[in-house]
PDB file of N, CA and C in Angstrom:
ATOM      1  N   UNK A   1     157.456 110.630 151.808  1.00  0.00           N
ATOM      2  CA  UNK A   1     158.095 109.461 151.246  1.00  0.00           C
ATOM      3  C   UNK A   1     157.603 109.145 149.812  1.00  0.00           C
ATOM      4  N   UNK A   2     156.428 109.384 149.234  1.00  0.00           N
ATOM      5  CA  UNK A   2     155.900 109.086 148.182  1.00  0.00           C
ATOM      6  C   UNK A   2     156.444 109.858 147.263  1.00  0.00           C
ATOM      7  N   UNK A   3     156.949 111.278 147.483  1.00  0.00           N
ATOM      8  CA  UNK A   3     157.638 111.699 146.469  1.00  0.00           C
ATOM      9  C   UNK A   3     159.095 111.174 146.281  1.00  0.00           C
ATOM     10  N   UNK A   4     159.787 110.645 147.458  1.00  0.00           N
ATOM     11  CA  UNK A   4     161.087 110.149 147.245  1.00  0.00           C
ATOM     12  C   UNK A   4     160.841 108.722 146.300  1.00  0.00           C
ATOM     13  N   UNK A   5     159.924 107.917 146.680  1.00  0.00           N
ATOM     14  CA  UNK A   5     159.738 106.536 145.765  1.00  0.00           C
ATOM     15  C   UNK A   5     159.330 107.141 144.279  1.00  0.00           C
ATOM     16  N   UNK A   6     158.548 108.263 143.988  1.00  0.00           N
ATOM     17  CA  UNK A   6     158.351 108.520 142.830  1.00  0.00           C
ATOM     18  C   UNK A   6     159.616 108.981 141.980  1.00  0.00           C
ATOM     19  N   UNK A   7     160.332 110.009 142.687  1.00  0.00           N
ATOM     20  CA  UNK A   7     161.575 110.562 142.238  1.00  0.00           C
ATOM     21  C   UNK A   7     162.469 109.536 141.803  1.00  0.00           C
ATOM     22  N   UNK A   8     162.841 108.407 142.625  1.00  0.00           N
ATOM     23  CA  UNK A   8     163.580 107.256 142.362  1.00  0.00           C
ATOM     24  C   UNK A   8     163.037 106.330 141.190  1.00  0.00           C
ATOM     25  N   UNK A   9     161.870 106.109 141.452  1.00  0.00           N
ATOM     26  CA  UNK A   9     161.321 105.203 140.274  1.00  0.00           C
ATOM     27  C   UNK A   9     161.483 106.061 138.889  1.00  0.00           C
ATOM     28  N   UNK A  10     161.216 107.232 138.843  1.00  0.00           N
ATOM     29  CA  UNK A  10     161.412 108.197 137.680  1.00  0.00           C
ATOM     30  C   UNK A  10     162.704 107.954 137.134  1.00  0.00           C
ATOM     31  N   UNK A  11     163.865 107.612 137.898  1.00  0.00           N
ATOM     32  CA  UNK A  11     165.324 107.469 137.559  1.00  0.00           C
ATOM     33  C   UNK A  11     165.213 106.131 136.698  1.00  0.00           C
ATOM     34  N   UNK A  12     164.784 105.035 137.287  1.00  0.00           N
ATOM     35  CA  UNK A  12     165.140 103.856 136.861  1.00  0.00           C
ATOM     36  C   UNK A  12     163.703 103.334 135.878  1.00  0.00           C
ATOM     37  N   UNK A  13     162.655 103.999 136.073  1.00  0.00           N
ATOM     38  CA  UNK A  13     161.380 103.623 135.412  1.00  0.00           C
ATOM     39  C   UNK A  13     160.803 104.812 135.244  1.00  0.00           C
ATOM     40  N   UNK A  14     161.101 105.716 133.992  1.00  0.00           N
ATOM     41  CA  UNK A  14     160.707 106.849 133.623  1.00  0.00           C
ATOM     42  C   UNK A  14     158.988 106.806 133.739  1.00  0.00           C
ATOM     43  N   UNK A  15     158.424 106.036 133.097  1.00  0.00           N
ATOM     44  CA  UNK A  15     157.065 106.085 132.725  1.00  0.00           C
ATOM     45  C   UNK A  15     156.368 104.828 133.529  1.00  0.00           C
ATOM     46  N   UNK A  16     155.400 104.915 134.479  1.00  0.00           N
ATOM     47  CA  UNK A  16     154.803 103.695 134.902  1.00  0.00           C
ATOM     48  C   UNK A  16     153.445 104.278 135.255  1.00  0.00           C
ATOM     49  N   UNK A  17     152.439 103.189 135.238  1.00  0.00           N
ATOM     50  CA  UNK A  17     151.122 103.110 135.594  1.00  0.00           C
ATOM     51  C   UNK A  17     150.362 102.179 136.144  1.00  0.00           C
ATOM     52  N   UNK A  18     150.067 102.064 137.341  1.00  0.00           N
ATOM     53  CA  UNK A  18     149.626 101.060 138.029  1.00  0.00           C
ATOM     54  C   UNK A  18     148.117 101.245 138.755  1.00  0.00           C
ATOM     55  N   UNK A  19     147.365 100.264 138.610  1.00  0.00           N
ATOM     56  CA  UNK A  19     146.258 100.300 139.719  1.00  0.00           C
ATOM     57  C   UNK A  19     146.487  99.733 140.748  1.00  0.00           C
ATOM     58  N   UNK A  20     146.490 100.430 141.715  1.00  0.00           N
ATOM     59  CA  UNK A  20     146.952 100.056 143.211  1.00  0.00           C
ATOM     60  C   UNK A  20     145.679  99.638 144.110  1.00  0.00           C
ATOM     61  N   UNK A  21     144.349 100.365 143.968  1.00  0.00           N
ATOM     62  CA  UNK A  21     143.202  99.758 144.422  1.00  0.00           C
ATOM     63  C   UNK A  21     141.922  99.896 143.545  1.00  0.00           C
ATOM     64  N   UNK A  22     141.710  98.539 143.206  1.00  0.00           N
ATOM     65  CA  UNK A  22     140.458  98.809 142.245  1.00  0.00           C
ATOM     66  C   UNK A  22     139.238  98.418 142.740  1.00  0.00           C
ATOM     67  N   UNK A  23     138.910  99.066 144.245  1.00  0.00           N
ATOM     68  CA  UNK A  23     137.697  98.859 144.510  1.00  0.00           C
ATOM     69  C   UNK A  23     136.245  99.202 143.947  1.00  0.00           C
ATOM     70  N   UNK A  24     135.267  99.102 144.437  1.00  0.00           N
ATOM     71  CA  UNK A  24     133.962  98.997 144.194  1.00  0.00           C
ATOM     72  C   UNK A  24     133.648 100.755 144.199  1.00  0.00           C
ATOM     73  N   UNK A  25     134.167 101.500 145.062  1.00  0.00           N
ATOM     74  CA  UNK A  25     133.616 102.687 145.438  1.00  0.00           C
ATOM     75  C   UNK A  25     134.981 103.993 145.094  1.00  0.00           C
ATOM     76  N   UNK A  26     136.218 103.236 144.848  1.00  0.00           N
ATOM     77  CA  UNK A  26     137.459 104.204 144.842  1.00  0.00           C
ATOM     78  C   UNK A  26     138.361 103.267 144.010  1.00  0.00           C
ATOM     79  N   UNK A  27     138.882 103.909 142.969  1.00  0.00           N
ATOM     80  CA  UNK A  27     139.980 103.535 142.309  1.00  0.00           C
ATOM     81  C   UNK A  27     141.175 104.570 142.212  1.00  0.00           C
ATOM     82  N   UNK A  28     142.294 103.715 142.725  1.00  0.00           N
ATOM     83  CA  UNK A  28     143.471 104.398 142.933  1.00  0.00           C
ATOM     84  C   UNK A  28     144.495 104.120 141.956  1.00  0.00           C
ATOM     85  N   UNK A  29     145.100 104.951 141.194  1.00  0.00           N
ATOM     86  CA  UNK A  29     146.224 104.555 140.086  1.00  0.00           C
ATOM     87  C   UNK A  29     147.420 105.547 140.598  1.00  0.00           C
ATOM     88  N   UNK A  30     148.308 104.794 140.521  1.00  0.00           N
ATOM     89  CA  UNK A  30     149.883 105.276 140.630  1.00  0.00           C
ATOM     90  C   UNK A  30     150.400 105.566 139.570  1.00  0.00           C
ATOM     91  N   UNK A  31     151.036 106.683 139.318  1.00  0.00           N
ATOM     92  CA  UNK A  31     151.775 106.703 138.139  1.00  0.00           C
ATOM     93  C   UNK A  31     153.105 107.780 138.243  1.00  0.00           C
ATOM     94  N   UNK A  32     153.792 107.867 137.279  1.00  0.00           N
ATOM     95  CA  UNK A  32     154.906 108.807 137.410  1.00  0.00           C
ATOM     96  C   UNK A  32     154.458 110.315 137.432  1.00  0.00           C
ATOM     97  N   UNK A  33     153.042 110.410 137.252  1.00  0.00           N
ATOM     98  CA  UNK A  33     152.305 111.736 137.362  1.00  0.00           C
ATOM     99  C   UNK A  33     151.821 112.212 138.765  1.00  0.00           C
ATOM    100  N   UNK A  34     151.848 110.940 139.362  1.00  0.00           N
ATOM    101  CA  UNK A  34     151.273 111.108 140.869  1.00  0.00           C
ATOM    102  C   UNK A  34     150.353 110.032 141.160  1.00  0.00           C
ATOM    103  N   UNK A  35     149.795 110.332 142.407  1.00  0.00           N
ATOM    104  CA  UNK A  35     148.477 109.233 142.662  1.00  0.00           C
ATOM    105  C   UNK A  35     147.292 109.867 142.520  1.00  0.00           C
ATOM    106  N   UNK A  36     146.405 109.141 141.503  1.00  0.00           N
ATOM    107  CA  UNK A  36     145.061 109.560 141.320  1.00  0.00           C
ATOM    108  C   UNK A  36     144.177 108.817 141.942  1.00  0.00           C
ATOM    109  N   UNK A  37     142.954 109.574 142.668  1.00  0.00           N
ATOM    110  CA  UNK A  37     142.168 108.759 143.194  1.00  0.00           C
ATOM    111  C   UNK A  37     140.637 109.255 142.534  1.00  0.00           C
ATOM    112  N   UNK A  38     139.974 108.176 141.914  1.00  0.00           N
ATOM    113  CA  UNK A  38     138.809 108.413 141.355  1.00  0.00           C
ATOM    114  C   UNK A  38     137.694 107.874 142.459  1.00  0.00           C
ATOM    115  N   UNK A  39     137.065 109.057 143.218  1.00  0.00           N
ATOM    116  CA  UNK A  39     136.244 108.524 144.358  1.00  0.00           C
ATOM    117  C   UNK A  39     134.632 108.465 143.987  1.00  0.00           C
ATOM    118  N   UNK A  40     134.246 107.420 143.721  1.00  0.00           N
ATOM    119  CA  UNK A  40     132.892 107.195 143.278  1.00  0.00           C
ATOM    120  C   UNK A  40     131.793 107.888 144.002  1.00  0.00           C
ATOM    121  N   UNK A  41     132.061 107.729 145.366  1.00  0.00           N
ATOM    122  CA  UNK A  41     130.938 108.379 146.431  1.00  0.00           C
ATOM    123  C   UNK A  41     131.023 109.734 146.310  1.00  0.00           C
ATOM    124  N   UNK A  42     132.064 110.624 146.222  1.00  0.00           N
ATOM    125  CA  UNK A  42     132.222 112.003 145.972  1.00  0.00           C
ATOM    126  C   UNK A  42     132.093 112.574 144.649  1.00  0.00           C
ATOM    127  N   UNK A  43     132.361 111.524 143.722  1.00  0.00           N
ATOM    128  CA  UNK A  43     132.391 111.936 142.234  1.00  0.00           C
ATOM    129  C   UNK A  43     133.319 112.806 142.008  1.00  0.00           C
ATOM    130  N   UNK A  44     134.448 112.517 142.545  1.00  0.00           N
ATOM    131  CA  UNK A  44     135.800 113.485 142.371  1.00  0.00           C
ATOM    132  C   UNK A  44     136.944 112.759 142.028  1.00  0.00           C
ATOM    133  N   UNK A  45     137.807 113.406 141.014  1.00  0.00           N
ATOM    134  CA  UNK A  45     139.042 113.021 140.624  1.00  0.00           C
ATOM    135  C   UNK A  45     140.170 113.900 141.452  1.00  0.00           C
ATOM    136  N   UNK A  46     141.082 113.167 142.107  1.00  0.00           N
ATOM    137  CA  UNK A  46     142.131 114.144 142.723  1.00  0.00           C
ATOM    138  C   UNK A  46     143.658 113.473 142.451  1.00  0.00           C
ATOM    139  N   UNK A  47     144.488 114.289 142.728  1.00  0.00           N
ATOM    140  CA  UNK A  47     145.985 113.933 142.391  1.00  0.00           C
ATOM    141  C   UNK A  47     146.545 114.270 143.641  1.00  0.00           C
ATOM    142  N   UNK A  48     147.165 113.436 144.251  1.00  0.00           N
ATOM    143  CA  UNK A  48     148.133 113.611 145.475  1.00  0.00           C
ATOM    144  C   UNK A  48     147.476 114.328 146.519  1.00  0.00           C
ATOM    145  N   UNK A  49     146.062 114.131 146.650  1.00  0.00           N
ATOM    146  CA  UNK A  49     145.146 114.598 147.656  1.00  0.00           C
ATOM    147  C   UNK A  49     144.446 116.245 147.305  1.00  0.00           C
ATOM    148  N   UNK A  50     144.663 116.562 146.122  1.00  0.00           N
ATOM    149  CA  UNK A  50     144.185 117.608 145.580  1.00  0.00           C
ATOM    150  C   UNK A  50     143.035 117.559 144.578  1.00  0.00           C
ATOM    151  N   UNK A  51     141.879 117.896 144.798  1.00  0.00           N
ATOM    152  CA  UNK A  51     140.613 117.596 143.703  1.00  0.00           C
ATOM    153  C   UNK A  51     141.099 118.545 142.478  1.00  0.00           C
ATOM    154  N   UNK A  52     140.797 117.666 141.302  1.00  0.00           N
ATOM    155  CA  UNK A  52     141.275 118.096 140.144  1.00  0.00           C
ATOM    156  C   UNK A  52     140.071 118.340 139.213  1.00  0.00           C
ATOM    157  N   UNK A  53     138.961 117.422 139.372  1.00  0.00           N
ATOM    158  CA  UNK A  53     137.659 117.580 138.504  1.00  0.00           C
ATOM    159  C   UNK A  53     136.467 116.799 139.193  1.00  0.00           C
ATOM    160  N   UNK A  54     135.463 117.171 138.832  1.00  0.00           N
ATOM    161  CA  UNK A  54     134.030 116.312 139.158  1.00  0.00           C
ATOM    162  C   UNK A  54     134.053 115.401 138.028  1.00  0.00           C
ATOM    163  N   UNK A  55     133.393 114.256 138.366  1.00  0.00           N
ATOM    164  CA  UNK A  55     132.883 113.311 137.518  1.00  0.00           C
ATOM    165  C   UNK A  55     132.291 113.809 136.180  1.00  0.00           C
ATOM    166  N   UNK A  56     131.133 114.760 136.656  1.00  0.00           N
ATOM    167  CA  UNK A  56     130.594 115.234 135.251  1.00  0.00           C
ATOM    168  C   UNK A  56     131.482 116.147 134.542  1.00  0.00           C
ATOM    169  N   UNK A  57     132.627 116.498 134.970  1.00  0.00           N
ATOM    170  CA  UNK A  57     133.168 117.500 133.947  1.00  0.00           C
ATOM    171  C   UNK A  57     134.104 116.514 133.028  1.00  0.00           C
ATOM    172  N   UNK A  58     134.395 115.414 133.339  1.00  0.00           N
ATOM    173  CA  UNK A  58     135.289 114.563 132.391  1.00  0.00           C
ATOM    174  C   UNK A  58     134.491 114.242 131.224  1.00  0.00           C
ATOM    175  N   UNK A  59     134.895 114.728 130.103  1.00  0.00           N
ATOM    176  CA  UNK A  59     133.939 114.552 128.771  1.00  0.00           C
ATOM    177  C   UNK A  59     134.512 113.154 128.025  1.00  0.00           C
ATOM    178  N   UNK A  60     135.852 112.910 128.245  1.00  0.00           N
ATOM    179  CA  UNK A  60     136.264 111.794 127.426  1.00  0.00           C
ATOM    180  C   UNK A  60     137.392 111.433 128.231  1.00  0.00           C
ATOM    181  N   UNK A  61     137.840 109.598 127.980  1.00  0.00           N
ATOM    182  CA  UNK A  61     138.889 109.290 128.460  1.00  0.00           C
ATOM    183  C   UNK A  61     139.704 108.825 127.180  1.00  0.00           C
ATOM    184  N   UNK A  62     141.097 109.102 127.346  1.00  0.00           N
ATOM    185  CA  UNK A  62     141.634 108.824 125.992  1.00  0.00           C
ATOM    186  C   UNK A  62     142.893 107.993 126.246  1.00  0.00           C
ATOM    187  N   UNK A  63     143.189 106.820 125.482  1.00  0.00           N
ATOM    188  CA  UNK A  63     144.306 106.150 125.614  1.00  0.00           C
ATOM    189  C   UNK A  63     144.885 106.059 124.244  1.00  0.00           C
ATOM    190  N   UNK A  64     146.087 106.807 124.215  1.00  0.00           N
ATOM    191  CA  UNK A  64     146.722 107.221 122.820  1.00  0.00           C
ATOM    192  C   UNK A  64     148.098 106.949 122.941  1.00  0.00           C
ATOM    193  N   UNK A  65     148.391 106.321 121.589  1.00  0.00           N
ATOM    194  CA  UNK A  65     149.723 105.881 121.193  1.00  0.00           C
ATOM    195  C   UNK A  65     150.587 107.159 121.230  1.00  0.00           C
ATOM    196  N   UNK A  66     151.556 107.481 121.764  1.00  0.00           N
ATOM    197  CA  UNK A  66     152.562 108.465 121.741  1.00  0.00           C
ATOM    198  C   UNK A  66     153.863 108.012 120.981  1.00  0.00           C
ATOM    199  N   UNK A  67     154.248 108.620 119.839  1.00  0.00           N
ATOM    200  CA  UNK A  67     155.386 108.285 119.304  1.00  0.00           C
ATOM    201  C   UNK A  67     156.544 109.462 119.323  1.00  0.00           C
ATOM    202  N   UNK A  68     157.764 108.986 119.913  1.00  0.00           N
ATOM    203  CA  UNK A  68     158.590 110.117 120.135  1.00  0.00           C
ATOM    204  C   UNK A  68     159.704 109.209 119.839  1.00  0.00           C
ATOM    205  N   UNK A  69     160.543 109.616 118.471  1.00  0.00           N
ATOM    206  CA  UNK A  69     161.844 108.885 118.176  1.00  0.00           C
ATOM    207  C   UNK A  69     162.791 108.901 119.312  1.00  0.00           C
ATOM    208  N   UNK A  70     162.868 109.676 120.105  1.00  0.00           N
ATOM    209  CA  UNK A  70     163.972 109.599 121.172  1.00  0.00           C
ATOM    210  C   UNK A  70     163.590 108.656 122.391  1.00  0.00           C
ATOM    211  N   UNK A  71     162.344 108.612 122.685  1.00  0.00           N
ATOM    212  CA  UNK A  71     161.864 107.806 123.871  1.00  0.00           C
ATOM    213  C   UNK A  71     161.176 106.616 123.631  1.00  0.00           C
ATOM    214  N   UNK A  72     161.067 105.995 122.285  1.00  0.00           N
ATOM    215  CA  UNK A  72     160.434 104.782 122.263  1.00  0.00           C
ATOM    216  C   UNK A  72     158.804 104.970 121.749  1.00  0.00           C
ATOM    217  N   UNK A  73     158.188 103.854 122.122  1.00  0.00           N
ATOM    218  CA  UNK A  73     156.636 104.024 121.881  1.00  0.00           C
ATOM    219  C   UNK A  73     156.217 103.886 123.392  1.00  0.00           C
ATOM    220  N   UNK A  74     155.328 104.944 123.609  1.00  0.00           N
ATOM    221  CA  UNK A  74     154.438 104.844 125.119  1.00  0.00           C
ATOM    222  C   UNK A  74     153.067 104.851 124.734  1.00  0.00           C
ATOM    223  N   UNK A  75     152.244 104.715 125.516  1.00  0.00           N
ATOM    224  CA  UNK A  75     150.838 104.878 125.702  1.00  0.00           C
ATOM    225  C   UNK A  75     150.332 105.481 126.871  1.00  0.00           C
ATOM    226  N   UNK A  76     149.547 106.635 126.489  1.00  0.00           N
ATOM    227  CA  UNK A  76     149.457 107.674 127.416  1.00  0.00           C
ATOM    228  C   UNK A  76     147.862 107.564 127.539  1.00  0.00           C
ATOM    229  N   UNK A  77     147.376 107.721 129.064  1.00  0.00           N
ATOM    230  CA  UNK A  77     145.925 107.700 129.560  1.00  0.00           C
ATOM    231  C   UNK A  77     145.627 109.061 129.783  1.00  0.00           C
ATOM    232  N   UNK A  78     144.842 109.740 129.412  1.00  0.00           N
ATOM    233  CA  UNK A  78     144.325 111.182 129.757  1.00  0.00           C
ATOM    234  C   UNK A  78     142.885 111.512 129.912  1.00  0.00           C
ATOM    235  N   UNK A  79     142.589 112.348 130.549  1.00  0.00           N
ATOM    236  CA  UNK A  79     141.286 112.746 130.800  1.00  0.00           C
ATOM    237  C   UNK A  79     140.993 114.019 130.151  1.00  0.00           C
ATOM    238  N   UNK A  80     140.003 114.412 129.220  1.00  0.00           N
ATOM    239  CA  UNK A  80     139.494 115.536 128.348  1.00  0.00           C
ATOM    240  C   UNK A  80     138.352 116.200 129.364  1.00  0.00           C
ATOM    241  N   UNK A  81     138.545 117.334 129.771  1.00  0.00           N
ATOM    242  CA  UNK A  81     137.625 118.162 130.503  1.00  0.00           C
ATOM    243  C   UNK A  81     136.874 119.147 129.341  1.00  0.00           C
ATOM    244  N   UNK A  82     137.635 119.442 128.364  1.00  0.00           N
ATOM    245  CA  UNK A  82     137.267 120.343 127.383  1.00  0.00           C
ATOM    246  C   UNK A  82     138.320 120.156 126.281  1.00  0.00           C
ATOM    247  N   UNK A  83     138.010 120.728 125.091  1.00  0.00           N
ATOM    248  CA  UNK A  83     138.977 120.847 123.910  1.00  0.00           C
ATOM    249  C   UNK A  83     140.512 121.067 124.421  1.00  0.00           C
ATOM    250  N   UNK A  84     140.439 122.272 125.078  1.00  0.00           N
ATOM    251  CA  UNK A  84     141.661 122.515 125.479  1.00  0.00           C
ATOM    252  C   UNK A  84     142.324 122.370 126.840  1.00  0.00           C
ATOM    253  N   UNK A  85     141.429 121.466 127.800  1.00  0.00           N
ATOM    254  CA  UNK A  85     141.805 121.072 129.070  1.00  0.00           C
ATOM    255  C   UNK A  85     141.982 119.543 129.047  1.00  0.00           C
ATOM    256  N   UNK A  86     143.328 119.065 129.219  1.00  0.00           N
ATOM    257  CA  UNK A  86     143.520 117.659 129.489  1.00  0.00           C
ATOM    258  C   UNK A  86     144.340 117.313 130.739  1.00  0.00           C
ATOM    259  N   UNK A  87     144.131 116.389 131.383  1.00  0.00           N
ATOM    260  CA  UNK A  87     144.769 115.861 132.423  1.00  0.00           C
ATOM    261  C   UNK A  87     145.517 114.581 132.146  1.00  0.00           C
ATOM    262  N   UNK A  88     146.739 114.655 132.124  1.00  0.00           N
ATOM    263  CA  UNK A  88     147.401 113.194 131.885  1.00  0.00           C
ATOM    264  C   UNK A  88     147.516 112.335 133.138  1.00  0.00           C
ATOM    265  N   UNK A  89     146.966 111.229 132.971  1.00  0.00           N
ATOM    266  CA  UNK A  89     146.966 110.323 134.175  1.00  0.00           C
ATOM    267  C   UNK A  89     148.422 109.480 134.238  1.00  0.00           C
ATOM    268  N   UNK A  90     148.847 109.117 133.007  1.00  0.00           N
ATOM    269  CA  UNK A  90     150.121 108.608 133.053  1.00  0.00           C
ATOM    270  C   UNK A  90     150.571 107.878 131.729  1.00  0.00           C
ATOM    271  N   UNK A  91     151.574 107.382 131.520  1.00  0.00           N
ATOM    272  CA  UNK A  91     152.269 106.844 130.422  1.00  0.00           C
ATOM    273  C   UNK A  91     152.693 105.346 130.859  1.00  0.00           C
ATOM    274  N   UNK A  92     152.627 104.468 129.879  1.00  0.00           N
ATOM    275  CA  UNK A  92     153.222 103.090 130.021  1.00  0.00           C
ATOM    276  C   UNK A  92     153.795 102.529 128.606  1.00  0.00           C
ATOM    277  N   UNK A  93     154.717 101.551 128.711  1.00  0.00           N
ATOM    278  CA  UNK A  93     154.975 101.051 127.254  1.00  0.00           C
ATOM    279  C   UNK A  93     154.134  99.861 126.998  1.00  0.00           C
ATOM    280  N   UNK A  94     153.211  99.345 127.969  1.00  0.00           N
ATOM    281  CA  UNK A  94     152.275  98.253 127.885  1.00  0.00           C
ATOM    282  C   UNK A  94     150.806  98.924 127.571  1.00  0.00           C
ATOM    283  N   UNK A  95     150.548  98.465 126.278  1.00  0.00           N
ATOM    284  CA  UNK A  95     149.252  98.765 125.679  1.00  0.00           C
ATOM    285  C   UNK A  95     148.045  98.135 126.306  1.00  0.00           C
ATOM    286  N   UNK A  96     148.209  96.994 126.769  1.00  0.00           N
ATOM    287  CA  UNK A  96     147.072  96.101 127.535  1.00  0.00           C
ATOM    288  C   UNK A  96     147.137  96.963 128.898  1.00  0.00           C
ATOM    289  N   UNK A  97     148.044  97.312 129.563  1.00  0.00           N
ATOM    290  CA  UNK A  97     148.045  97.890 130.918  1.00  0.00           C
ATOM    291  C   UNK A  97     147.210  99.450 130.650  1.00  0.00           C
ATOM    292  N   UNK A  98     147.594 100.075 129.656  1.00  0.00           N
ATOM    293  CA  UNK A  98     146.981 101.298 129.265  1.00  0.00           C
ATOM    294  C   UNK A  98     145.496 101.040 129.077  1.00  0.00           C
ATOM    295  N   UNK A  99     145.099 100.162 128.365  1.00  0.00           N
ATOM    296  CA  UNK A  99     143.721  99.937 128.113  1.00  0.00           C
ATOM    297  C   UNK A  99     142.860  99.476 129.193  1.00  0.00           C
ATOM    298  N   UNK A 100     143.361  98.755 130.099  1.00  0.00           N
ATOM    299  CA  UNK A 100     142.902  98.194 131.102  1.00  0.00           C
ATOM    300  C   UNK A 100     142.653  99.543 131.979  1.00  0.00           C
ATOM    301  N   UNK A 101     143.732 100.519 132.440  1.00  0.00           N
ATOM    302  CA  UNK A 101     143.677 101.613 133.110  1.00  0.00           C
ATOM    303  C   UNK A 101     142.287 102.307 132.574  1.00  0.00           C
ATOM    304  N   UNK A 102     142.558 102.682 131.075  1.00  0.00           N
ATOM    305  CA  UNK A 102     141.509 103.547 130.717  1.00  0.00           C
ATOM    306  C   UNK A 102     139.953 102.955 130.780  1.00  0.00           C
ATOM    307  N   UNK A 103     139.859 101.585 130.645  1.00  0.00           N
ATOM    308  CA  UNK A 103     138.675 101.101 130.949  1.00  0.00           C
ATOM    309  C   UNK A 103     138.012 101.161 132.206  1.00  0.00           C
ATOM    310  N   UNK A 104     138.893 100.914 133.069  1.00  0.00           N
ATOM    311  CA  UNK A 104     138.577 101.346 134.698  1.00  0.00           C
ATOM    312  C   UNK A 104     137.922 102.486 134.821  1.00  0.00           C
ATOM    313  N   UNK A 105     138.991 103.509 134.242  1.00  0.00           N
ATOM    314  CA  UNK A 105     138.365 105.013 134.366  1.00  0.00           C
ATOM    315  C   UNK A 105     137.038 105.375 133.860  1.00  0.00           C
ATOM    316  N   UNK A 106     136.610 104.769 132.554  1.00  0.00           N
ATOM    317  CA  UNK A 106     135.520 104.930 131.951  1.00  0.00           C
ATOM    318  C   UNK A 106     134.472 104.173 133.007  1.00  0.00           C
ATOM    319  N   UNK A 107     134.786 102.955 133.353  1.00  0.00           N
ATOM    320  CA  UNK A 107     133.842 102.384 134.132  1.00  0.00           C
ATOM    321  C   UNK A 107     133.312 103.122 135.516  1.00  0.00           C
ATOM    322  N   UNK A 108     134.375 103.698 136.183  1.00  0.00           N
ATOM    323  CA  UNK A 108     133.947 104.588 137.478  1.00  0.00           C
ATOM    324  C   UNK A 108     133.529 105.774 137.218  1.00  0.00           C
ATOM    325  N   UNK A 109     133.898 106.676 135.985  1.00  0.00           N
ATOM    326  CA  UNK A 109     133.452 108.018 135.974  1.00  0.00           C
ATOM    327  C   UNK A 109     132.237 108.041 134.957  1.00  0.00           C
ATOM    328  N   UNK A 110     132.086 107.058 134.191  1.00  0.00           N
ATOM    329  CA  UNK A 110     130.821 107.178 133.201  1.00  0.00           C
ATOM    330  C   UNK A 110     131.221 108.044 132.025  1.00  0.00           C
ATOM    331  N   UNK A 111     132.382 108.452 131.690  1.00  0.00           N
ATOM    332  CA  UNK A 111     133.122 109.254 130.711  1.00  0.00           C
ATOM    333  C   UNK A 111     133.193 108.140 129.437  1.00  0.00           C
ATOM    334  N   UNK A 112     132.988 109.247 128.321  1.00  0.00           N
ATOM    335  CA  UNK A 112     133.181 108.098 127.005  1.00  0.00           C
ATOM    336  C   UNK A 112     134.705 107.910 126.609  1.00  0.00           C
ATOM    337  N   UNK A 113     134.830 106.801 125.959  1.00  0.00           N
ATOM    338  CA  UNK A 113     136.285 106.606 125.585  1.00  0.00           C
ATOM    339  C   UNK A 113     136.455 107.165 124.186  1.00  0.00           C
ATOM    340  N   UNK A 114     137.680 107.807 123.855  1.00  0.00           N
ATOM    341  CA  UNK A 114     137.932 108.463 122.982  1.00  0.00           C
ATOM    342  C   UNK A 114     139.090 107.757 122.146  1.00  0.00           C
ATOM    343  N   UNK A 115     138.907 107.396 120.794  1.00  0.00           N
ATOM    344  CA  UNK A 115     139.794 107.038 119.777  1.00  0.00           C
ATOM    345  C   UNK A 115     141.002 105.919 120.270  1.00  0.00           C
ATOM    346  N   UNK A 116     140.501 105.068 120.946  1.00  0.00           N
ATOM    347  CA  UNK A 116     141.829 104.346 121.640  1.00  0.00           C
ATOM    348  C   UNK A 116     142.825 103.642 120.777  1.00  0.00           C
ATOM    349  N   UNK A 117     142.301 103.337 119.532  1.00  0.00           N
ATOM    350  CA  UNK A 117     143.446 102.726 118.721  1.00  0.00           C
ATOM    351  C   UNK A 117     143.894 103.660 117.526  1.00  0.00           C
ATOM    352  N   UNK A 118     143.556 104.655 117.361  1.00  0.00           N
ATOM    353  CA  UNK A 118     144.059 105.473 116.179  1.00  0.00           C
ATOM    354  C   UNK A 118     144.561 106.804 116.485  1.00  0.00           C
ATOM    355  N   UNK A 119     144.572 107.242 117.790  1.00  0.00           N
ATOM    356  CA  UNK A 119     145.080 108.570 118.138  1.00  0.00           C
ATOM    357  C   UNK A 119     146.565 108.467 118.228  1.00  0.00           C
ATOM    358  N   UNK A 120     147.075 109.417 117.828  1.00  0.00           N
ATOM    359  CA  UNK A 120     148.602 109.489 117.631  1.00  0.00           C
ATOM    360  C   UNK A 120     149.012 110.846 118.064  1.00  0.00           C
ATOM    361  N   UNK A 121     149.739 110.996 119.106  1.00  0.00           N
ATOM    362  CA  UNK A 121     150.284 112.226 119.519  1.00  0.00           C
ATOM    363  C   UNK A 121     151.910 112.082 119.772  1.00  0.00           C
ATOM    364  N   UNK A 122     152.504 113.468 119.401  1.00  0.00           N
ATOM    365  CA  UNK A 122     154.089 113.330 119.351  1.00  0.00           C
ATOM    366  C   UNK A 122     154.275 114.367 120.502  1.00  0.00           C
ATOM    367  N   UNK A 123     155.064 114.040 121.514  1.00  0.00           N
ATOM    368  CA  UNK A 123     155.391 114.773 122.416  1.00  0.00           C
ATOM    369  C   UNK A 123     156.380 116.035 122.096  1.00  0.00           C
ATOM    370  N   UNK A 124     156.115 117.374 122.744  1.00  0.00           N
ATOM    371  CA  UNK A 124     156.965 118.338 122.250  1.00  0.00           C
ATOM    372  C   UNK A 124     157.839 118.509 123.392  1.00  0.00           C
TER     373      UNK A 124
END
């Protein structure tokens, strides 16, 4: 049922990013990219039940303004594991929501924040 909800949400609301469980041992974020779980006890980041990275592999958390003339202005929250390996957590049009999500991820993973106000990325 999650895939159906995500698919129908994608039709009416193409980009969304929500914290659904802000607990002390687990941060759960639902987005148009999937459900991400940041498990503080296991120190693992997973998406839709599949492990993506260990906390010590997450180098930076990036909250970037994404300008695309066809889609408006969105804010994107991403994890950088290396220079070439990035995991997009999700996008939103609300800069405050993106900042809150990014700050929560930094708090739970211990990763560093990367250029939150000056990063500019154009979607391809």
